[in-house]
Amino acid sequence: FTARLTRAGFRAEEVKVRANGRRGGARHVIWLAAAPS
């Protein structure tokens, strides 16, 4: 998904986090994208 955003002209960043922080839990991926100016 990050590659698709980049190819579309967005500046994309992928952040991987755990549901309960350092205690663990499910893994989530959050995509942050900025539109081209």
C-alpha atoms as a PDB file:
ATOM      1  CA  PHE A   1       0.000   0.000   0.000  1.00  0.00           C
ATOM      2  CA  THR A   2       2.884   2.347   0.769  1.00  0.00           C
ATOM      3  CA  ALA A   3       4.292   1.794  -2.723  1.00  0.00           C
ATOM      4  CA  ARG A   4       0.904   2.545  -4.294  1.00  0.00           C
ATOM      5  CA  LEU A   5       0.637   5.828  -2.402  1.00  0.00           C
ATOM      6  CA  THR A   6       4.155   6.793  -3.460  1.00  0.00           C
ATOM      7  CA  ARG A   7       3.470   5.970  -7.121  1.00  0.00           C
ATOM      8  CA  ALA A   8       0.334   8.135  -6.940  1.00  0.00           C
ATOM      9  CA  GLY A   9       2.490  11.093  -5.897  1.00  0.00           C
ATOM     10  CA  PHE A  10       1.916  11.040  -2.151  1.00  0.00           C
ATOM     11  CA  ARG A  11       4.656  11.186   0.455  1.00  0.00           C
ATOM     12  CA  ALA A  12       3.858   8.049   2.454  1.00  0.00           C
ATOM     13  CA  GLU A  13       5.049   6.639   5.753  1.00  0.00           C
ATOM     14  CA  GLU A  14       4.192   3.290   7.327  1.00  0.00           C
ATOM     15  CA  VAL A  15       4.108   3.014  11.127  1.00  0.00           C
ATOM     16  CA  LYS A  16       3.819  -0.392  12.807  1.00  0.00           C
ATOM     17  CA  VAL A  17       2.422  -0.380  16.349  1.00  0.00           C
ATOM     18  CA  ARG A  18       1.187  -2.857  18.930  1.00  0.00           C
ATOM     19  CA  ALA A  19      -2.359  -2.614  20.296  1.00  0.00           C
ATOM     20  CA  ASN A  20      -1.197  -2.366  23.920  1.00  0.00           C
ATOM     21  CA  GLY A  21       2.091  -0.593  23.408  1.00  0.00           C
ATOM     22  CA  ARG A  22       5.049  -2.436  24.874  1.00  0.00           C
ATOM     23  CA  ARG A  23       2.806  -4.984  26.602  1.00  0.00           C
ATOM     24  CA  GLY A  24       1.987  -6.547  23.248  1.00  0.00           C
ATOM     25  CA  GLY A  25      -1.333  -7.305  21.690  1.00  0.00           C
ATOM     26  CA  ALA A  26      -2.391  -7.252  18.072  1.00  0.00           C
ATOM     27  CA  ARG A  27      -0.164  -5.588  15.508  1.00  0.00           C
ATOM     28  CA  HIS A  28      -1.518  -2.644  13.546  1.00  0.00           C
ATOM     29  CA  VAL A  29      -0.141  -0.773  10.556  1.00  0.00           C
ATOM     30  CA  ILE A  30      -0.945   2.932  10.203  1.00  0.00           C
ATOM     31  CA  TRP A  31      -0.285   4.719   6.930  1.00  0.00           C
ATOM     32  CA  LEU A  32       0.368   8.452   6.938  1.00  0.00           C
ATOM     33  CA  ALA A  33       0.310  10.216   3.594  1.00  0.00           C
ATOM     34  CA  ALA A  34       0.690  13.830   2.571  1.00  0.00           C
ATOM     35  CA  ALA A  35      -0.759  15.100  -0.689  1.00  0.00           C
ATOM     36  CA  PRO A  36       1.648  16.668  -3.156  1.00  0.00           C
ATOM     37  CA  SER A  37       1.834  20.433  -2.962  1.00  0.00           C
END
